[in-house]
Amino acid sequence: LEFEPAQSRENLRAGYYDMQRFLYGLRGTKYYVDCDWDETKA
């Protein structure tokens, strides 16, 4: 029931970047990390 602009704007950003995580295989828990590594490269 938290219909407030500030929270909604945060949720818009969260949805955008979480979908980016899915679409591009981004990793991380606190950030959205773009890394095209295998274990050898890491």
PDB file of all heavy atoms in Angstrom:
ATOM      1  N   LEU A   1       0.806  -1.219   0.000  1.00  0.00           N
ATOM      2  CA  LEU A   1       0.000   0.000   0.000  1.00  0.00           C
ATOM      3  C   LEU A   1       0.842   1.273   0.000  1.00  0.00           C
ATOM      4  O   LEU A   1       0.302   2.360   0.206  1.00  0.00           O
ATOM      5  CB  LEU A   1      -0.935   0.015   1.215  1.00  0.00           C
ATOM      6  CG  LEU A   1      -2.068  -1.015   1.221  1.00  0.00           C
ATOM      7  CD1 LEU A   1      -2.868  -0.918   2.512  1.00  0.00           C
ATOM      8  CD2 LEU A   1      -2.988  -0.827   0.014  1.00  0.00           C
ATOM      9  N   GLU A   2       2.135   1.186  -0.265  1.00  0.00           N
ATOM     10  CA  GLU A   2       3.018   2.357  -0.216  1.00  0.00           C
ATOM     11  C   GLU A   2       2.994   3.104  -1.560  1.00  0.00           C
ATOM     12  O   GLU A   2       3.961   3.090  -2.319  1.00  0.00           O
ATOM     13  CB  GLU A   2       4.445   1.939   0.145  1.00  0.00           C
ATOM     14  CG  GLU A   2       5.343   3.096   0.567  1.00  0.00           C
ATOM     15  CD  GLU A   2       6.688   2.627   1.088  1.00  0.00           C
ATOM     16  OE1 GLU A   2       6.830   1.397   1.321  1.00  0.00           O
ATOM     17  OE2 GLU A   2       7.580   3.463   1.286  1.00  0.00           O
ATOM     18  N   PHE A   3       1.883   3.801  -1.805  1.00  0.00           N
ATOM     19  CA  PHE A   3       1.722   4.534  -3.055  1.00  0.00           C
ATOM     20  C   PHE A   3       2.361   5.921  -2.930  1.00  0.00           C
ATOM     21  O   PHE A   3       1.671   6.937  -2.768  1.00  0.00           O
ATOM     22  CB  PHE A   3       0.242   4.651  -3.427  1.00  0.00           C
ATOM     23  CG  PHE A   3      -0.407   3.340  -3.771  1.00  0.00           C
ATOM     24  CD1 PHE A   3      -1.170   2.654  -2.835  1.00  0.00           C
ATOM     25  CD2 PHE A   3      -0.240   2.790  -5.029  1.00  0.00           C
ATOM     26  CE1 PHE A   3      -1.765   1.438  -3.159  1.00  0.00           C
ATOM     27  CE2 PHE A   3      -0.828   1.576  -5.359  1.00  0.00           C
ATOM     28  CZ  PHE A   3      -1.588   0.903  -4.417  1.00  0.00           C
ATOM     29  N   GLU A   4       3.692   5.954  -2.986  1.00  0.00           N
ATOM     30  CA  GLU A   4       4.446   7.192  -2.862  1.00  0.00           C
ATOM     31  C   GLU A   4       5.435   7.319  -4.016  1.00  0.00           C
ATOM     32  O   GLU A   4       6.065   6.334  -4.408  1.00  0.00           O
ATOM     33  CB  GLU A   4       5.182   7.243  -1.527  1.00  0.00           C
ATOM     34  CG  GLU A   4       4.246   7.288  -0.317  1.00  0.00           C
ATOM     35  CD  GLU A   4       4.931   7.776   0.924  1.00  0.00           C
ATOM     36  OE1 GLU A   4       6.118   8.119   0.844  1.00  0.00           O
ATOM     37  OE2 GLU A   4       4.287   7.841   1.980  1.00  0.00           O
ATOM     38  N   PRO A   5       5.586   8.542  -4.576  1.00  0.00           N
ATOM     39  CA  PRO A   5       6.454   8.737  -5.742  1.00  0.00           C
ATOM     40  C   PRO A   5       7.888   8.269  -5.532  1.00  0.00           C
ATOM     41  O   PRO A   5       8.474   7.637  -6.417  1.00  0.00           O
ATOM     42  CB  PRO A   5       6.389  10.249  -5.977  1.00  0.00           C
ATOM     43  CG  PRO A   5       5.106  10.685  -5.377  1.00  0.00           C
ATOM     44  CD  PRO A   5       4.893   9.784  -4.187  1.00  0.00           C
ATOM     45  N   ALA A   6       8.476   8.581  -4.364  1.00  0.00           N
ATOM     46  CA  ALA A   6       9.884   8.234  -4.128  1.00  0.00           C
ATOM     47  C   ALA A   6      10.099   6.731  -4.212  1.00  0.00           C
ATOM     48  O   ALA A   6      11.040   6.254  -4.862  1.00  0.00           O
ATOM     49  CB  ALA A   6      10.339   8.768  -2.774  1.00  0.00           C
ATOM     50  N   GLN A   7       9.231   5.945  -3.550  1.00  0.00           N
ATOM     51  CA  GLN A   7       9.366   4.495  -3.575  1.00  0.00           C
ATOM     52  C   GLN A   7       9.096   3.950  -4.971  1.00  0.00           C
ATOM     53  O   GLN A   7       9.781   3.039  -5.436  1.00  0.00           O
ATOM     54  CB  GLN A   7       8.404   3.852  -2.571  1.00  0.00           C
ATOM     55  CG  GLN A   7       8.527   2.331  -2.465  1.00  0.00           C
ATOM     56  CD  GLN A   7       9.880   1.887  -1.964  1.00  0.00           C
ATOM     57  OE1 GLN A   7      10.303   2.265  -0.881  1.00  0.00           O
ATOM     58  NE2 GLN A   7      10.587   1.056  -2.751  1.00  0.00           N
ATOM     59  N   SER A   8       8.123   4.513  -5.666  1.00  0.00           N
ATOM     60  CA  SER A   8       7.794   4.047  -7.007  1.00  0.00           C
ATOM     61  C   SER A   8       8.945   4.272  -7.981  1.00  0.00           C
ATOM     62  O   SER A   8       9.222   3.437  -8.845  1.00  0.00           O
ATOM     63  CB  SER A   8       6.537   4.744  -7.529  1.00  0.00           C
ATOM     64  OG  SER A   8       5.385   4.266  -6.861  1.00  0.00           O
ATOM     65  N   ARG A   9       9.619   5.410  -7.844  1.00  0.00           N
ATOM     66  CA  ARG A   9      10.761   5.684  -8.715  1.00  0.00           C
ATOM     67  C   ARG A   9      11.898   4.704  -8.462  1.00  0.00           C
ATOM     68  O   ARG A   9      12.583   4.285  -9.402  1.00  0.00           O
ATOM     69  CB  ARG A   9      11.225   7.127  -8.520  1.00  0.00           C
ATOM     70  CG  ARG A   9      10.234   8.154  -9.078  1.00  0.00           C
ATOM     71  CD  ARG A   9      10.524   9.555  -8.600  1.00  0.00           C
ATOM     72  NE  ARG A   9       9.442  10.457  -9.007  1.00  0.00           N
ATOM     73  CZ  ARG A   9       9.157  11.590  -8.410  1.00  0.00           C
ATOM     74  NH1 ARG A   9       9.868  11.982  -7.358  1.00  0.00           N
ATOM     75  NH2 ARG A   9       8.146  12.348  -8.832  1.00  0.00           N
ATOM     76  N   GLU A  10      12.099   4.355  -7.189  1.00  0.00           N
ATOM     77  CA  GLU A  10      13.088   3.334  -6.878  1.00  0.00           C
ATOM     78  C   GLU A  10      12.701   1.999  -7.493  1.00  0.00           C
ATOM     79  O   GLU A  10      13.533   1.276  -8.036  1.00  0.00           O
ATOM     80  CB  GLU A  10      13.227   3.175  -5.356  1.00  0.00           C
ATOM     81  CG  GLU A  10      13.934   4.315  -4.657  1.00  0.00           C
ATOM     82  CD  GLU A  10      15.415   4.370  -4.991  1.00  0.00           C
ATOM     83  OE1 GLU A  10      16.136   3.431  -4.633  1.00  0.00           O
ATOM     84  OE2 GLU A  10      15.841   5.349  -5.640  1.00  0.00           O
ATOM     85  N   ASN A  11      11.419   1.671  -7.436  1.00  0.00           N
ATOM     86  CA  ASN A  11      10.944   0.405  -7.982  1.00  0.00           C
ATOM     87  C   ASN A  11      11.045   0.366  -9.504  1.00  0.00           C
ATOM     88  O   ASN A  11      11.297  -0.692 -10.087  1.00  0.00           O
ATOM     89  CB  ASN A  11       9.511   0.144  -7.532  1.00  0.00           C
ATOM     90  CG  ASN A  11       9.403  -0.101  -6.030  1.00  0.00           C
ATOM     91  OD1 ASN A  11      10.412  -0.293  -5.347  1.00  0.00           O
ATOM     92  ND2 ASN A  11       8.187  -0.080  -5.507  1.00  0.00           N
ATOM     93  N   LEU A  12      10.826   1.501 -10.150  1.00  0.00           N
ATOM     94  CA  LEU A  12      11.025   1.581 -11.596  1.00  0.00           C
ATOM     95  C   LEU A  12      12.465   1.243 -11.958  1.00  0.00           C
ATOM     96  O   LEU A  12      12.722   0.465 -12.884  1.00  0.00           O
ATOM     97  CB  LEU A  12      10.677   2.975 -12.104  1.00  0.00           C
ATOM     98  CG  LEU A  12       9.198   3.322 -12.299  1.00  0.00           C
ATOM     99  CD1 LEU A  12       9.025   4.832 -12.488  1.00  0.00           C
ATOM    100  CD2 LEU A  12       8.599   2.584 -13.485  1.00  0.00           C
ATOM    101  N   ARG A  13      13.408   1.837 -11.221  1.00  0.00           N
ATOM    102  CA  ARG A  13      14.829   1.559 -11.473  1.00  0.00           C
ATOM    103  C   ARG A  13      15.170   0.101 -11.187  1.00  0.00           C
ATOM    104  O   ARG A  13      15.922  -0.526 -11.939  1.00  0.00           O
ATOM    105  CB  ARG A  13      15.701   2.496 -10.638  1.00  0.00           C
ATOM    106  CG  ARG A  13      15.767   3.919 -11.158  1.00  0.00           C
ATOM    107  CD  ARG A  13      16.836   4.716 -10.462  1.00  0.00           C
ATOM    108  NE  ARG A  13      16.436   5.063  -9.109  1.00  0.00           N
ATOM    109  CZ  ARG A  13      15.843   6.203  -8.769  1.00  0.00           C
ATOM    110  NH1 ARG A  13      15.583   7.106  -9.692  1.00  0.00           N
ATOM    111  NH2 ARG A  13      15.516   6.457  -7.513  1.00  0.00           N
ATOM    112  N   ALA A  14      14.625  -0.432 -10.095  1.00  0.00           N
ATOM    113  CA  ALA A  14      14.902  -1.824  -9.743  1.00  0.00           C
ATOM    114  C   ALA A  14      14.417  -2.770 -10.835  1.00  0.00           C
ATOM    115  O   ALA A  14      15.117  -3.713 -11.224  1.00  0.00           O
ATOM    116  CB  ALA A  14      14.237  -2.167  -8.412  1.00  0.00           C
ATOM    117  N   GLY A  15      13.214  -2.540 -11.342  1.00  0.00           N
ATOM    118  CA  GLY A  15      12.685  -3.383 -12.408  1.00  0.00           C
ATOM    119  C   GLY A  15      13.516  -3.299 -13.675  1.00  0.00           C
ATOM    120  O   GLY A  15      13.777  -4.305 -14.337  1.00  0.00           O
ATOM    121  N   TYR A  16      13.949  -2.092 -14.003  1.00  0.00           N
ATOM    122  CA  TYR A  16      14.753  -1.878 -15.201  1.00  0.00           C
ATOM    123  C   TYR A  16      16.076  -2.638 -15.120  1.00  0.00           C
ATOM    124  O   TYR A  16      16.450  -3.365 -16.045  1.00  0.00           O
ATOM    125  CB  TYR A  16      15.001  -0.377 -15.387  1.00  0.00           C
ATOM    126  CG  TYR A  16      15.876  -0.034 -16.573  1.00  0.00           C
ATOM    127  CD1 TYR A  16      15.348  -0.004 -17.861  1.00  0.00           C
ATOM    128  CD2 TYR A  16      17.224   0.257 -16.409  1.00  0.00           C
ATOM    129  CE1 TYR A  16      16.149   0.314 -18.952  1.00  0.00           C
ATOM    130  CE2 TYR A  16      18.027   0.574 -17.492  1.00  0.00           C
ATOM    131  CZ  TYR A  16      17.487   0.604 -18.761  1.00  0.00           C
ATOM    132  OH  TYR A  16      18.289   0.916 -19.843  1.00  0.00           O
ATOM    133  N   TYR A  17      16.770  -2.495 -14.001  1.00  0.00           N
ATOM    134  CA  TYR A  17      18.087  -3.124 -13.894  1.00  0.00           C
ATOM    135  C   TYR A  17      18.003  -4.627 -13.626  1.00  0.00           C
ATOM    136  O   TYR A  17      18.878  -5.382 -14.068  1.00  0.00           O
ATOM    137  CB  TYR A  17      18.923  -2.410 -12.831  1.00  0.00           C
ATOM    138  CG  TYR A  17      19.502  -1.111 -13.337  1.00  0.00           C
ATOM    139  CD1 TYR A  17      18.946   0.108 -12.978  1.00  0.00           C
ATOM    140  CD2 TYR A  17      20.580  -1.106 -14.203  1.00  0.00           C
ATOM    141  CE1 TYR A  17      19.464   1.303 -13.461  1.00  0.00           C
ATOM    142  CE2 TYR A  17      21.107   0.082 -14.694  1.00  0.00           C
ATOM    143  CZ  TYR A  17      20.542   1.277 -14.322  1.00  0.00           C
ATOM    144  OH  TYR A  17      21.054   2.451 -14.818  1.00  0.00           O
ATOM    145  N   ASP A  18      16.971  -5.077 -12.920  1.00  0.00           N
ATOM    146  CA  ASP A  18      16.811  -6.518 -12.738  1.00  0.00           C
ATOM    147  C   ASP A  18      16.509  -7.207 -14.067  1.00  0.00           C
ATOM    148  O   ASP A  18      16.964  -8.322 -14.317  1.00  0.00           O
ATOM    149  CB  ASP A  18      15.707  -6.817 -11.724  1.00  0.00           C
ATOM    150  CG  ASP A  18      16.161  -6.628 -10.284  1.00  0.00           C
ATOM    151  OD1 ASP A  18      17.377  -6.502 -10.048  1.00  0.00           O
ATOM    152  OD2 ASP A  18      15.291  -6.589  -9.379  1.00  0.00           O
ATOM    153  N   MET A  19      15.754  -6.543 -14.920  1.00  0.00           N
ATOM    154  CA  MET A  19      15.511  -7.110 -16.247  1.00  0.00           C
ATOM    155  C   MET A  19      16.789  -7.077 -17.085  1.00  0.00           C
ATOM    156  O   MET A  19      17.072  -8.009 -17.845  1.00  0.00           O
ATOM    157  CB  MET A  19      14.384  -6.355 -16.959  1.00  0.00           C
ATOM    158  CG  MET A  19      14.046  -6.913 -18.343  1.00  0.00           C
ATOM    159  SD  MET A  19      13.610  -8.683 -18.350  1.00  0.00           S
ATOM    160  CE  MET A  19      11.957  -8.594 -17.662  1.00  0.00           C
ATOM    161  N   GLN A  20      17.587  -6.012 -16.944  1.00  0.00           N
ATOM    162  CA  GLN A  20      18.898  -5.966 -17.596  1.00  0.00           C
ATOM    163  C   GLN A  20      19.769  -7.128 -17.129  1.00  0.00           C
ATOM    164  O   GLN A  20      20.477  -7.750 -17.924  1.00  0.00           O
ATOM    165  CB  GLN A  20      19.586  -4.637 -17.284  1.00  0.00           C
ATOM    166  CG  GLN A  20      18.928  -3.402 -17.853  1.00  0.00           C
ATOM    167  CD  GLN A  20      19.552  -2.954 -19.150  1.00  0.00           C
ATOM    168  OE1 GLN A  20      19.754  -3.739 -20.041  1.00  0.00           O
ATOM    169  NE2 GLN A  20      19.875  -1.698 -19.234  1.00  0.00           N
ATOM    170  N   ARG A  21      19.702  -7.425 -15.834  1.00  0.00           N
ATOM    171  CA  ARG A  21      20.461  -8.553 -15.292  1.00  0.00           C
ATOM    172  C   ARG A  21      20.079  -9.838 -16.015  1.00  0.00           C
ATOM    173  O   ARG A  21      20.942 -10.622 -16.409  1.00  0.00           O
ATOM    174  CB  ARG A  21      20.194  -8.695 -13.787  1.00  0.00           C
ATOM    175  CG  ARG A  21      20.998  -9.808 -13.112  1.00  0.00           C
ATOM    176  CD  ARG A  21      20.457 -10.128 -11.732  1.00  0.00           C
ATOM    177  NE  ARG A  21      20.449  -8.972 -10.859  1.00  0.00           N
ATOM    178  CZ  ARG A  21      21.492  -8.559 -10.148  1.00  0.00           C
ATOM    179  NH1 ARG A  21      22.629  -9.203 -10.249  1.00  0.00           N
ATOM    180  NH2 ARG A  21      21.382  -7.504  -9.363  1.00  0.00           N
ATOM    181  N   PHE A  22      18.778 -10.044 -16.202  1.00  0.00           N
ATOM    182  CA  PHE A  22      18.303 -11.245 -16.877  1.00  0.00           C
ATOM    183  C   PHE A  22      18.692 -11.250 -18.351  1.00  0.00           C
ATOM    184  O   PHE A  22      19.182 -12.256 -18.874  1.00  0.00           O
ATOM    185  CB  PHE A  22      16.777 -11.338 -16.739  1.00  0.00           C
ATOM    186  CG  PHE A  22      16.147 -12.335 -17.668  1.00  0.00           C
ATOM    187  CD1 PHE A  22      16.235 -13.687 -17.418  1.00  0.00           C
ATOM    188  CD2 PHE A  22      15.469 -11.907 -18.805  1.00  0.00           C
ATOM    189  CE1 PHE A  22      15.664 -14.612 -18.295  1.00  0.00           C
ATOM    190  CE2 PHE A  22      14.893 -12.820 -19.677  1.00  0.00           C
ATOM    191  CZ  PHE A  22      14.994 -14.176 -19.418  1.00  0.00           C
ATOM    192  N   LEU A  23      18.483 -10.134 -19.038  1.00  0.00           N
ATOM    193  CA  LEU A  23      18.701 -10.077 -20.486  1.00  0.00           C
ATOM    194  C   LEU A  23      20.160 -10.234 -20.875  1.00  0.00           C
ATOM    195  O   LEU A  23      20.478 -10.849 -21.898  1.00  0.00           O
ATOM    196  CB  LEU A  23      18.166  -8.750 -21.034  1.00  0.00           C
ATOM    197  CG  LEU A  23      16.652  -8.544 -21.016  1.00  0.00           C
ATOM    198  CD1 LEU A  23      16.306  -7.120 -21.432  1.00  0.00           C
ATOM    199  CD2 LEU A  23      15.950  -9.549 -21.932  1.00  0.00           C
ATOM    200  N   TYR A  24      21.059  -9.676 -20.057  1.00  0.00           N
ATOM    201  CA  TYR A  24      22.472  -9.635 -20.431  1.00  0.00           C
ATOM    202  C   TYR A  24      23.361 -10.479 -19.534  1.00  0.00           C
ATOM    203  O   TYR A  24      24.588 -10.422 -19.642  1.00  0.00           O
ATOM    204  CB  TYR A  24      22.968  -8.186 -20.442  1.00  0.00           C
ATOM    205  CG  TYR A  24      22.234  -7.319 -21.438  1.00  0.00           C
ATOM    206  CD1 TYR A  24      21.235  -6.442 -21.022  1.00  0.00           C
ATOM    207  CD2 TYR A  24      22.506  -7.395 -22.798  1.00  0.00           C
ATOM    208  CE1 TYR A  24      20.545  -5.661 -21.931  1.00  0.00           C
ATOM    209  CE2 TYR A  24      21.826  -6.611 -23.716  1.00  0.00           C
ATOM    210  CZ  TYR A  24      20.837  -5.752 -23.276  1.00  0.00           C
ATOM    211  OH  TYR A  24      20.146  -4.979 -24.189  1.00  0.00           O
ATOM    212  N   GLY A  25      22.765 -11.254 -18.639  1.00  0.00           N
ATOM    213  CA  GLY A  25      23.559 -12.122 -17.780  1.00  0.00           C
ATOM    214  C   GLY A  25      24.433 -11.367 -16.798  1.00  0.00           C
ATOM    215  O   GLY A  25      25.536 -11.817 -16.476  1.00  0.00           O
ATOM    216  N   LEU A  26      23.965 -10.215 -16.315  1.00  0.00           N
ATOM    217  CA  LEU A  26      24.731  -9.446 -15.341  1.00  0.00           C
ATOM    218  C   LEU A  26      24.801 -10.218 -14.025  1.00  0.00           C
ATOM    219  O   LEU A  26      23.919 -11.002 -13.695  1.00  0.00           O
ATOM    220  CB  LEU A  26      24.097  -8.072 -15.115  1.00  0.00           C
ATOM    221  CG  LEU A  26      23.889  -7.202 -16.355  1.00  0.00           C
ATOM    222  CD1 LEU A  26      23.263  -5.867 -15.965  1.00  0.00           C
ATOM    223  CD2 LEU A  26      25.208  -6.970 -17.080  1.00  0.00           C
ATOM    224  N   ARG A  27      25.856  -9.974 -13.277  1.00  0.00           N
ATOM    225  CA  ARG A  27      26.060 -10.683 -12.026  1.00  0.00           C
ATOM    226  C   ARG A  27      26.174  -9.686 -10.884  1.00  0.00           C
ATOM    227  O   ARG A  27      26.188  -8.482 -11.077  1.00  0.00           O
ATOM    228  CB  ARG A  27      27.303 -11.571 -12.116  1.00  0.00           C
ATOM    229  CG  ARG A  27      27.245 -12.538 -13.305  1.00  0.00           C
ATOM    230  CD  ARG A  27      28.399 -13.437 -13.372  1.00  0.00           C
ATOM    231  NE  ARG A  27      28.473 -14.353 -12.234  1.00  0.00           N
ATOM    232  CZ  ARG A  27      28.887 -15.620 -12.315  1.00  0.00           C
ATOM    233  NH1 ARG A  27      29.214 -16.128 -13.479  1.00  0.00           N
ATOM    234  NH2 ARG A  27      28.970 -16.385 -11.245  1.00  0.00           N
ATOM    235  N   GLY A  28      26.272 -10.232  -9.657  1.00  0.00           N
ATOM    236  CA  GLY A  28      26.382  -9.387  -8.482  1.00  0.00           C
ATOM    237  C   GLY A  28      25.123  -9.413  -7.642  1.00  0.00           C
ATOM    238  O   GLY A  28      24.042  -9.797  -8.099  1.00  0.00           O
ATOM    239  N   THR A  29      25.275  -8.979  -6.387  1.00  0.00           N
ATOM    240  CA  THR A  29      24.152  -8.922  -5.458  1.00  0.00           C
ATOM    241  C   THR A  29      23.798  -7.497  -5.063  1.00  0.00           C
ATOM    242  O   THR A  29      22.640  -7.183  -4.823  1.00  0.00           O
ATOM    243  CB  THR A  29      24.464  -9.731  -4.190  1.00  0.00           C
ATOM    244  OG1 THR A  29      25.674  -9.231  -3.583  1.00  0.00           O
ATOM    245  CG2 THR A  29      24.657 -11.218  -4.529  1.00  0.00           C
ATOM    246  N   LYS A  30      24.801  -6.615  -4.991  1.00  0.00           N
ATOM    247  CA  LYS A  30      24.583  -5.220  -4.623  1.00  0.00           C
ATOM    248  C   LYS A  30      24.610  -4.313  -5.844  1.00  0.00           C
ATOM    249  O   LYS A  30      24.019  -3.243  -5.830  1.00  0.00           O
ATOM    250  CB  LYS A  30      25.643  -4.754  -3.630  1.00  0.00           C
ATOM    251  CG  LYS A  30      25.648  -5.519  -2.311  1.00  0.00           C
ATOM    252  CD  LYS A  30      26.758  -5.036  -1.409  1.00  0.00           C
ATOM    253  CE  LYS A  30      26.784  -5.816  -0.099  1.00  0.00           C
ATOM    254  NZ  LYS A  30      27.914  -5.364   0.771  1.00  0.00           N
ATOM    255  N   TYR A  31      25.328  -4.751  -6.884  1.00  0.00           N
ATOM    256  CA  TYR A  31      25.460  -3.992  -8.123  1.00  0.00           C
ATOM    257  C   TYR A  31      25.128  -4.886  -9.308  1.00  0.00           C
ATOM    258  O   TYR A  31      24.894  -6.092  -9.151  1.00  0.00           O
ATOM    259  CB  TYR A  31      26.892  -3.439  -8.275  1.00  0.00           C
ATOM    260  CG  TYR A  31      27.233  -2.344  -7.276  1.00  0.00           C
ATOM    261  CD1 TYR A  31      27.728  -2.659  -6.022  1.00  0.00           C
ATOM    262  CD2 TYR A  31      27.066  -1.013  -7.604  1.00  0.00           C
ATOM    263  CE1 TYR A  31      28.037  -1.667  -5.101  1.00  0.00           C
ATOM    264  CE2 TYR A  31      27.385  -0.007  -6.698  1.00  0.00           C
ATOM    265  CZ  TYR A  31      27.863  -0.344  -5.448  1.00  0.00           C
ATOM    266  OH  TYR A  31      28.173   0.652  -4.545  1.00  0.00           O
ATOM    267  N   TYR A  32      25.094  -4.282 -10.467  1.00  0.00           N
ATOM    268  CA  TYR A  32      24.855  -5.002 -11.712  1.00  0.00           C
ATOM    269  C   TYR A  32      26.169  -5.022 -12.475  1.00  0.00           C
ATOM    270  O   TYR A  32      26.569  -4.030 -13.084  1.00  0.00           O
ATOM    271  CB  TYR A  32      23.740  -4.316 -12.504  1.00  0.00           C
ATOM    272  CG  TYR A  32      22.445  -4.260 -11.725  1.00  0.00           C
ATOM    273  CD1 TYR A  32      22.166  -3.193 -10.881  1.00  0.00           C
ATOM    274  CD2 TYR A  32      21.520  -5.295 -11.804  1.00  0.00           C
ATOM    275  CE1 TYR A  32      20.993  -3.147 -10.152  1.00  0.00           C
ATOM    276  CE2 TYR A  32      20.341  -5.262 -11.076  1.00  0.00           C
ATOM    277  CZ  TYR A  32      20.084  -4.186 -10.250  1.00  0.00           C
ATOM    278  OH  TYR A  32      18.926  -4.146  -9.520  1.00  0.00           O
ATOM    279  N   VAL A  33      26.856  -6.159 -12.418  1.00  0.00           N
ATOM    280  CA  VAL A  33      28.226  -6.279 -12.910  1.00  0.00           C
ATOM    281  C   VAL A  33      28.224  -6.969 -14.273  1.00  0.00           C
ATOM    282  O   VAL A  33      27.752  -8.088 -14.417  1.00  0.00           O
ATOM    283  CB  VAL A  33      29.113  -7.056 -11.926  1.00  0.00           C
ATOM    284  CG1 VAL A  33      30.557  -7.092 -12.433  1.00  0.00           C
ATOM    285  CG2 VAL A  33      29.063  -6.427 -10.532  1.00  0.00           C
ATOM    286  N   ASP A  34      28.765  -6.278 -15.247  1.00  0.00           N
ATOM    287  CA  ASP A  34      28.908  -6.820 -16.591  1.00  0.00           C
ATOM    288  C   ASP A  34      30.259  -7.509 -16.697  1.00  0.00           C
ATOM    289  O   ASP A  34      31.304  -6.863 -16.651  1.00  0.00           O
ATOM    290  CB  ASP A  34      28.802  -5.693 -17.621  1.00  0.00           C
ATOM    291  CG  ASP A  34      28.983  -6.187 -19.050  1.00  0.00           C
ATOM    292  OD1 ASP A  34      28.751  -7.383 -19.303  1.00  0.00           O
ATOM    293  OD2 ASP A  34      29.361  -5.360 -19.916  1.00  0.00           O
ATOM    294  N   CYS A  35      30.254  -8.804 -16.821  1.00  0.00           N
ATOM    295  CA  CYS A  35      31.514  -9.545 -16.938  1.00  0.00           C
ATOM    296  C   CYS A  35      31.309 -10.771 -17.822  1.00  0.00           C
ATOM    297  O   CYS A  35      30.448 -11.594 -17.598  1.00  0.00           O
ATOM    298  CB  CYS A  35      32.036  -9.971 -15.559  1.00  0.00           C
ATOM    299  SG  CYS A  35      30.938 -11.064 -14.654  1.00  0.00           S
ATOM    300  N   ASP A  36      32.067 -10.837 -18.856  1.00  0.00           N
ATOM    301  CA  ASP A  36      32.006 -11.968 -19.769  1.00  0.00           C
ATOM    302  C   ASP A  36      33.250 -12.835 -19.538  1.00  0.00           C
ATOM    303  O   ASP A  36      34.130 -12.914 -20.389  1.00  0.00           O
ATOM    304  CB  ASP A  36      31.938 -11.471 -21.211  1.00  0.00           C
ATOM    305  CG  ASP A  36      31.682 -12.600 -22.197  1.00  0.00           C
ATOM    306  OD1 ASP A  36      31.217 -13.671 -21.760  1.00  0.00           O
ATOM    307  OD2 ASP A  36      31.957 -12.415 -23.395  1.00  0.00           O
ATOM    308  N   TRP A  37      33.295 -13.450 -18.356  1.00  0.00           N
ATOM    309  CA  TRP A  37      34.475 -14.219 -17.965  1.00  0.00           C
ATOM    310  C   TRP A  37      34.144 -15.700 -17.862  1.00  0.00           C
ATOM    311  O   TRP A  37      33.030 -16.083 -17.535  1.00  0.00           O
ATOM    312  CB  TRP A  37      35.007 -13.783 -16.591  1.00  0.00           C
ATOM    313  CG  TRP A  37      35.231 -12.316 -16.409  1.00  0.00           C
ATOM    314  CD1 TRP A  37      35.622 -11.426 -17.371  1.00  0.00           C
ATOM    315  CD2 TRP A  37      35.109 -11.574 -15.205  1.00  0.00           C
ATOM    316  NE1 TRP A  37      35.759 -10.183 -16.834  1.00  0.00           N
ATOM    317  CE2 TRP A  37      35.452 -10.229 -15.497  1.00  0.00           C
ATOM    318  CE3 TRP A  37      34.771 -11.897 -13.896  1.00  0.00           C
ATOM    319  CZ2 TRP A  37      35.431  -9.228 -14.539  1.00  0.00           C
ATOM    320  CZ3 TRP A  37      34.755 -10.911 -12.933  1.00  0.00           C
ATOM    321  CH2 TRP A  37      35.080  -9.591 -13.264  1.00  0.00           C
ATOM    322  N   ASP A  38      35.159 -16.529 -18.114  1.00  0.00           N
ATOM    323  CA  ASP A  38      35.129 -17.899 -17.636  1.00  0.00           C
ATOM    324  C   ASP A  38      36.040 -17.957 -16.414  1.00  0.00           C
ATOM    325  O   ASP A  38      36.667 -16.953 -16.036  1.00  0.00           O
ATOM    326  CB  ASP A  38      35.558 -18.893 -18.723  1.00  0.00           C
ATOM    327  CG  ASP A  38      36.944 -18.591 -19.292  1.00  0.00           C
ATOM    328  OD1 ASP A  38      37.743 -17.876 -18.626  1.00  0.00           O
ATOM    329  OD2 ASP A  38      37.242 -19.069 -20.408  1.00  0.00           O
ATOM    330  N   GLU A  39      36.144 -19.126 -15.762  1.00  0.00           N
ATOM    331  CA  GLU A  39      36.936 -19.219 -14.540  1.00  0.00           C
ATOM    332  C   GLU A  39      38.419 -18.944 -14.784  1.00  0.00           C
ATOM    333  O   GLU A  39      39.107 -18.343 -13.961  1.00  0.00           O
ATOM    334  CB  GLU A  39      36.760 -20.593 -13.890  1.00  0.00           C
ATOM    335  CG  GLU A  39      35.576 -20.677 -12.957  1.00  0.00           C
ATOM    336  CD  GLU A  39      35.759 -21.688 -11.864  1.00  0.00           C
ATOM    337  OE1 GLU A  39      35.500 -22.883 -12.131  1.00  0.00           O
ATOM    338  OE2 GLU A  39      36.162 -21.339 -10.760  1.00  0.00           O
ATOM    339  N   THR A  40      38.926 -19.370 -15.935  1.00  0.00           N
ATOM    340  CA  THR A  40      40.331 -19.148 -16.253  1.00  0.00           C
ATOM    341  C   THR A  40      40.634 -17.660 -16.336  1.00  0.00           C
ATOM    342  O   THR A  40      41.638 -17.180 -15.793  1.00  0.00           O
ATOM    343  CB  THR A  40      40.696 -19.830 -17.580  1.00  0.00           C
ATOM    344  OG1 THR A  40      40.453 -21.235 -17.487  1.00  0.00           O
ATOM    345  CG2 THR A  40      42.169 -19.591 -17.917  1.00  0.00           C
ATOM    346  N   LYS A  41      39.736 -16.917 -16.999  1.00  0.00           N
ATOM    347  CA  LYS A  41      39.939 -15.483 -17.127  1.00  0.00           C
ATOM    348  C   LYS A  41      39.812 -14.789 -15.775  1.00  0.00           C
ATOM    349  O   LYS A  41      40.569 -13.871 -15.464  1.00  0.00           O
ATOM    350  CB  LYS A  41      38.934 -14.891 -18.116  1.00  0.00           C
ATOM    351  CG  LYS A  41      39.183 -13.419 -18.429  1.00  0.00           C
ATOM    352  CD  LYS A  41      38.257 -12.928 -19.522  1.00  0.00           C
ATOM    353  CE  LYS A  41      38.517 -11.446 -19.825  1.00  0.00           C
ATOM    354  NZ  LYS A  41      37.611 -10.970 -20.932  1.00  0.00           N
ATOM    355  N   ALA A  42      38.845 -15.228 -14.962  1.00  0.00           N
ATOM    356  CA  ALA A  42      38.666 -14.634 -13.636  1.00  0.00           C
ATOM    357  C   ALA A  42      39.891 -14.870 -12.765  1.00  0.00           C
ATOM    358  O   ALA A  42      40.359 -13.975 -12.064  1.00  0.00           O
ATOM    359  CB  ALA A  42      37.416 -15.208 -12.973  1.00  0.00           C
TER     360      ALA A  42
END
